[in-house]
Amino acid sequence: MDAGIARMGEILPDIPLQEVKLTRLLLLVGGNLLEELERKLKPHGLNDSDFRTLMMIHSSPTGSASPSELCEYAQQGATNMTRIANALVKAGLVTRAASAEDRRRIVLSITPAGKRLVRKILPPLFPQVLGAFASLSASDKRTLDRLLRQVALNIDLLTQSDPRP
């Protein structure tokens, strides 16, 4: 990776080499983590976006959320959120109902089966998560957390100013 990026630096002298390397590393690490997560979710009939949505509903104070809230938090479009909600409802992991406050608003709520599945899926994921960060000290982890949050904020600021629909 480093050699390839260095060669691109010779071809395009203005390339921001360090930032390109960091971006590539983030993509590699994220891709590997996602691949492993997807492998462990597959036997349960879930993918990453389904599981993240289920976790967001489960971790909400009321155990429920509207699809529009979930779109924002899960970084999913409305069409994909509809697919996710349909899959979770069909699997019996969440219910879909009209909001008591506003009948036009839909609310997804986690079911007892959804809670049981989360408790079944999460513990086997812990060794992988711990292993990924095993060589980092507590201080390293705090620093990484702070730096990744800064990068995420920068990306948010860039995408908010993006004129594309």
C-alpha atoms as a PDB file:
ATOM      1  CA  MET A   1       0.000   0.000   0.000  1.00  0.00           C
ATOM      2  CA  ASP A   2       2.705   2.486   1.014  1.00  0.00           C
ATOM      3  CA  ALA A   3       4.738   1.813  -2.136  1.00  0.00           C
ATOM      4  CA  GLY A   4       1.705   2.225  -4.383  1.00  0.00           C
ATOM      5  CA  ILE A   5       0.714   5.484  -2.742  1.00  0.00           C
ATOM      6  CA  ALA A   6       4.322   6.718  -2.978  1.00  0.00           C
ATOM      7  CA  ARG A   7       4.336   5.940  -6.729  1.00  0.00           C
ATOM      8  CA  MET A   8       1.116   7.934  -7.082  1.00  0.00           C
ATOM      9  CA  GLY A   9       2.916  10.788  -5.313  1.00  0.00           C
ATOM     10  CA  GLU A  10       5.531  10.732  -8.066  1.00  0.00           C
ATOM     11  CA  ILE A  11       2.837  10.747 -10.748  1.00  0.00           C
ATOM     12  CA  LEU A  12       0.674  13.379  -9.029  1.00  0.00           C
ATOM     13  CA  PRO A  13       2.960  15.587  -6.921  1.00  0.00           C
ATOM     14  CA  ASP A  14       0.024  17.423  -5.287  1.00  0.00           C
ATOM     15  CA  ILE A  15      -1.469  14.239  -3.801  1.00  0.00           C
ATOM     16  CA  PRO A  16      -1.830  14.534   0.001  1.00  0.00           C
ATOM     17  CA  LEU A  17       0.187  11.380   0.742  1.00  0.00           C
ATOM     18  CA  GLN A  18      -0.348  11.138   4.507  1.00  0.00           C
ATOM     19  CA  GLU A  19      -4.101  11.728   4.254  1.00  0.00           C
ATOM     20  CA  VAL A  20      -4.422   9.202   1.414  1.00  0.00           C
ATOM     21  CA  LYS A  21      -2.538   6.600   3.518  1.00  0.00           C
ATOM     22  CA  LEU A  22      -4.739   7.291   6.538  1.00  0.00           C
ATOM     23  CA  THR A  23      -7.889   7.057   4.418  1.00  0.00           C
ATOM     24  CA  ARG A  24      -6.738   3.764   2.938  1.00  0.00           C
ATOM     25  CA  LEU A  25      -5.915   2.390   6.400  1.00  0.00           C
ATOM     26  CA  LEU A  26      -9.320   3.410   7.746  1.00  0.00           C
ATOM     27  CA  LEU A  27     -11.027   1.747   4.784  1.00  0.00           C
ATOM     28  CA  LEU A  28      -8.973  -1.441   5.180  1.00  0.00           C
ATOM     29  CA  VAL A  29      -9.582  -1.684   8.921  1.00  0.00           C
ATOM     30  CA  GLY A  30     -13.267  -0.815   8.609  1.00  0.00           C
ATOM     31  CA  GLY A  31     -13.722  -3.244   5.738  1.00  0.00           C
ATOM     32  CA  ASN A  32     -12.108  -6.086   7.668  1.00  0.00           C
ATOM     33  CA  LEU A  33     -14.184  -5.395  10.775  1.00  0.00           C
ATOM     34  CA  LEU A  34     -17.363  -5.195   8.707  1.00  0.00           C
ATOM     35  CA  GLU A  35     -16.567  -8.426   6.854  1.00  0.00           C
ATOM     36  CA  GLU A  36     -16.087 -10.302  10.122  1.00  0.00           C
ATOM     37  CA  LEU A  37     -19.259  -8.818  11.617  1.00  0.00           C
ATOM     38  CA  GLU A  38     -21.293  -9.749   8.530  1.00  0.00           C
ATOM     39  CA  ARG A  39     -19.921 -13.316   8.727  1.00  0.00           C
ATOM     40  CA  LYS A  40     -21.117 -13.638  12.317  1.00  0.00           C
ATOM     41  CA  LEU A  41     -24.515 -12.063  11.605  1.00  0.00           C
ATOM     42  CA  LYS A  42     -25.299 -14.165   8.532  1.00  0.00           C
ATOM     43  CA  PRO A  43     -26.394 -17.304  10.456  1.00  0.00           C
ATOM     44  CA  HIS A  44     -28.981 -15.112  12.188  1.00  0.00           C
ATOM     45  CA  GLY A  45     -30.370 -13.806   8.885  1.00  0.00           C
ATOM     46  CA  LEU A  46     -29.035 -10.299   9.492  1.00  0.00           C
ATOM     47  CA  ASN A  47     -26.552  -7.988   7.845  1.00  0.00           C
ATOM     48  CA  ASP A  48     -24.746  -4.989   9.327  1.00  0.00           C
ATOM     49  CA  SER A  49     -27.449  -2.418   8.537  1.00  0.00           C
ATOM     50  CA  ASP A  50     -30.193  -4.695   9.912  1.00  0.00           C
ATOM     51  CA  PHE A  51     -28.198  -5.310  13.089  1.00  0.00           C
ATOM     52  CA  ARG A  52     -27.264  -1.645  13.589  1.00  0.00           C
ATOM     53  CA  THR A  53     -30.922  -0.698  13.215  1.00  0.00           C
ATOM     54  CA  LEU A  54     -32.008  -3.379  15.673  1.00  0.00           C
ATOM     55  CA  MET A  55     -29.340  -2.185  18.125  1.00  0.00           C
ATOM     56  CA  MET A  56     -30.456   1.443  17.789  1.00  0.00           C
ATOM     57  CA  ILE A  57     -34.058   0.490  18.534  1.00  0.00           C
ATOM     58  CA  HIS A  58     -32.984  -1.736  21.430  1.00  0.00           C
ATOM     59  CA  SER A  59     -30.723   0.920  22.961  1.00  0.00           C
ATOM     60  CA  SER A  60     -33.230   3.760  22.707  1.00  0.00           C
ATOM     61  CA  PRO A  61     -34.760   4.803  26.052  1.00  0.00           C
ATOM     62  CA  THR A  62     -38.201   3.556  24.981  1.00  0.00           C
ATOM     63  CA  GLY A  63     -37.070   0.542  22.934  1.00  0.00           C
ATOM     64  CA  SER A  64     -38.606   2.192  19.882  1.00  0.00           C
ATOM     65  CA  ALA A  65     -37.814   4.706  17.151  1.00  0.00           C
ATOM     66  CA  SER A  66     -39.343   6.129  14.011  1.00  0.00           C
ATOM     67  CA  PRO A  67     -37.945   5.157  10.615  1.00  0.00           C
ATOM     68  CA  SER A  68     -36.918   8.781   9.967  1.00  0.00           C
ATOM     69  CA  GLU A  69     -34.894   8.864  13.213  1.00  0.00           C
ATOM     70  CA  LEU A  70     -33.293   5.565  12.262  1.00  0.00           C
ATOM     71  CA  CYS A  71     -32.399   6.833   8.776  1.00  0.00           C
ATOM     72  CA  GLU A  72     -30.463   9.687  10.318  1.00  0.00           C
ATOM     73  CA  TYR A  73     -28.657   7.597  12.927  1.00  0.00           C
ATOM     74  CA  ALA A  74     -27.994   4.575  10.702  1.00  0.00           C
ATOM     75  CA  GLN A  75     -26.990   6.698   7.720  1.00  0.00           C
ATOM     76  CA  GLN A  76     -29.519   4.910   5.541  1.00  0.00           C
ATOM     77  CA  GLY A  77     -31.869   6.254   2.905  1.00  0.00           C
ATOM     78  CA  ALA A  78     -35.631   5.983   3.322  1.00  0.00           C
ATOM     79  CA  THR A  79     -35.927   3.170   0.768  1.00  0.00           C
ATOM     80  CA  ASN A  80     -33.281   1.048   2.449  1.00  0.00           C
ATOM     81  CA  MET A  81     -34.741   1.779   5.889  1.00  0.00           C
ATOM     82  CA  THR A  82     -38.094   0.509   4.638  1.00  0.00           C
ATOM     83  CA  ARG A  83     -36.381  -2.698   3.490  1.00  0.00           C
ATOM     84  CA  ILE A  84     -34.615  -3.040   6.840  1.00  0.00           C
ATOM     85  CA  ALA A  85     -37.821  -2.403   8.807  1.00  0.00           C
ATOM     86  CA  ASN A  86     -39.733  -4.918   6.678  1.00  0.00           C
ATOM     87  CA  ALA A  87     -37.038  -7.556   7.264  1.00  0.00           C
ATOM     88  CA  LEU A  88     -36.957  -6.944  11.029  1.00  0.00           C
ATOM     89  CA  VAL A  89     -40.774  -7.017  11.271  1.00  0.00           C
ATOM     90  CA  LYS A  90     -40.951 -10.198   9.170  1.00  0.00           C
ATOM     91  CA  ALA A  91     -38.353 -11.840  11.438  1.00  0.00           C
ATOM     92  CA  GLY A  92     -40.437 -10.901  14.487  1.00  0.00           C
ATOM     93  CA  LEU A  93     -37.632  -8.778  15.936  1.00  0.00           C
ATOM     94  CA  VAL A  94     -39.561  -5.488  15.859  1.00  0.00           C
ATOM     95  CA  THR A  95     -43.166  -4.384  15.526  1.00  0.00           C
ATOM     96  CA  ARG A  96     -44.475  -1.539  13.402  1.00  0.00           C
ATOM     97  CA  ALA A  97     -47.336   0.619  14.645  1.00  0.00           C
ATOM     98  CA  ALA A  98     -48.750   4.120  14.427  1.00  0.00           C
ATOM     99  CA  SER A  99     -47.465   6.513  17.082  1.00  0.00           C
ATOM    100  CA  ALA A 100     -49.824   7.180  19.987  1.00  0.00           C
ATOM    101  CA  GLU A 101     -48.982  10.913  19.751  1.00  0.00           C
ATOM    102  CA  ASP A 102     -49.266  11.267  15.967  1.00  0.00           C
ATOM    103  CA  ARG A 103     -51.129   8.595  14.014  1.00  0.00           C
ATOM    104  CA  ARG A 104     -49.298   9.666  10.818  1.00  0.00           C
ATOM    105  CA  ARG A 105     -45.952   8.730  12.372  1.00  0.00           C
ATOM    106  CA  ILE A 106     -44.769   5.106  12.353  1.00  0.00           C
ATOM    107  CA  VAL A 107     -42.889   3.646  15.313  1.00  0.00           C
ATOM    108  CA  LEU A 108     -40.739   0.526  15.302  1.00  0.00           C
ATOM    109  CA  SER A 109     -40.438  -1.234  18.683  1.00  0.00           C
ATOM    110  CA  ILE A 110     -38.198  -4.107  19.669  1.00  0.00           C
ATOM    111  CA  THR A 111     -39.934  -7.353  20.582  1.00  0.00           C
ATOM    112  CA  PRO A 112     -38.911  -9.835  23.281  1.00  0.00           C
ATOM    113  CA  ALA A 113     -37.539 -12.025  20.464  1.00  0.00           C
ATOM    114  CA  GLY A 114     -35.457  -9.076  19.243  1.00  0.00           C
ATOM    115  CA  LYS A 115     -34.051  -8.534  22.737  1.00  0.00           C
ATOM    116  CA  ARG A 116     -33.201 -12.241  23.043  1.00  0.00           C
ATOM    117  CA  LEU A 117     -31.427 -12.217  19.683  1.00  0.00           C
ATOM    118  CA  VAL A 118     -29.323  -9.199  20.657  1.00  0.00           C
ATOM    119  CA  ARG A 119     -28.303 -10.940  23.905  1.00  0.00           C
ATOM    120  CA  LYS A 120     -27.400 -14.029  21.865  1.00  0.00           C
ATOM    121  CA  ILE A 121     -25.406 -12.225  19.152  1.00  0.00           C
ATOM    122  CA  LEU A 122     -23.404  -9.709  21.178  1.00  0.00           C
ATOM    123  CA  PRO A 123     -21.276 -11.860  23.553  1.00  0.00           C
ATOM    124  CA  PRO A 124     -19.622 -13.886  20.744  1.00  0.00           C
ATOM    125  CA  LEU A 125     -18.610 -10.573  19.110  1.00  0.00           C
ATOM    126  CA  PHE A 126     -16.685  -9.369  22.177  1.00  0.00           C
ATOM    127  CA  PRO A 127     -13.473 -11.437  21.635  1.00  0.00           C
ATOM    128  CA  GLN A 128     -13.117 -10.089  18.086  1.00  0.00           C
ATOM    129  CA  VAL A 129     -13.648  -6.501  19.242  1.00  0.00           C
ATOM    130  CA  LEU A 130     -11.221  -6.900  22.144  1.00  0.00           C
ATOM    131  CA  GLY A 131      -8.675  -8.600  19.884  1.00  0.00           C
ATOM    132  CA  ALA A 132      -8.779  -5.797  17.334  1.00  0.00           C
ATOM    133  CA  PHE A 133      -7.615  -3.330  19.991  1.00  0.00           C
ATOM    134  CA  ALA A 134      -5.524  -5.693  22.137  1.00  0.00           C
ATOM    135  CA  SER A 135      -2.178  -4.019  21.462  1.00  0.00           C
ATOM    136  CA  LEU A 136      -3.466  -0.538  22.316  1.00  0.00           C
ATOM    137  CA  SER A 137      -3.141   0.923  25.784  1.00  0.00           C
ATOM    138  CA  ALA A 138      -6.077   2.634  27.462  1.00  0.00           C
ATOM    139  CA  SER A 139      -4.460   5.951  26.576  1.00  0.00           C
ATOM    140  CA  ASP A 140      -4.042   4.858  22.929  1.00  0.00           C
ATOM    141  CA  LYS A 141      -7.733   3.945  22.798  1.00  0.00           C
ATOM    142  CA  ARG A 142      -8.779   7.326  24.206  1.00  0.00           C
ATOM    143  CA  THR A 143      -6.543   9.075  21.680  1.00  0.00           C
ATOM    144  CA  LEU A 144      -7.887   6.982  18.812  1.00  0.00           C
ATOM    145  CA  ASP A 145     -11.451   7.709  19.938  1.00  0.00           C
ATOM    146  CA  ARG A 146     -10.753  11.444  20.035  1.00  0.00           C
ATOM    147  CA  LEU A 147      -9.021  11.463  16.650  1.00  0.00           C
ATOM    148  CA  LEU A 148     -11.669   9.369  14.900  1.00  0.00           C
ATOM    149  CA  ARG A 149     -14.379  11.647  16.286  1.00  0.00           C
ATOM    150  CA  GLN A 150     -12.499  14.650  14.878  1.00  0.00           C
ATOM    151  CA  VAL A 151     -12.264  12.986  11.454  1.00  0.00           C
ATOM    152  CA  ALA A 152     -15.970  12.067  11.617  1.00  0.00           C
ATOM    153  CA  LEU A 153     -16.869  15.668  12.464  1.00  0.00           C
ATOM    154  CA  ASN A 154     -14.744  16.948   9.562  1.00  0.00           C
ATOM    155  CA  ILE A 155     -16.500  14.527   7.210  1.00  0.00           C
ATOM    156  CA  ASP A 156     -19.893  15.647   8.538  1.00  0.00           C
ATOM    157  CA  LEU A 157     -18.967  19.267   7.906  1.00  0.00           C
ATOM    158  CA  LEU A 158     -17.835  18.461   4.369  1.00  0.00           C
ATOM    159  CA  THR A 159     -21.009  16.549   3.531  1.00  0.00           C
ATOM    160  CA  GLN A 160     -23.270  19.215   5.048  1.00  0.00           C
ATOM    161  CA  SER A 161     -21.850  21.800   2.684  1.00  0.00           C
ATOM    162  CA  ASP A 162     -22.189  19.417  -0.278  1.00  0.00           C
ATOM    163  CA  PRO A 163     -24.736  20.927  -2.711  1.00  0.00           C
ATOM    164  CA  ARG A 164     -25.710  17.488  -4.103  1.00  0.00           C
ATOM    165  CA  PRO A 165     -29.184  16.199  -3.204  1.00  0.00           C
END
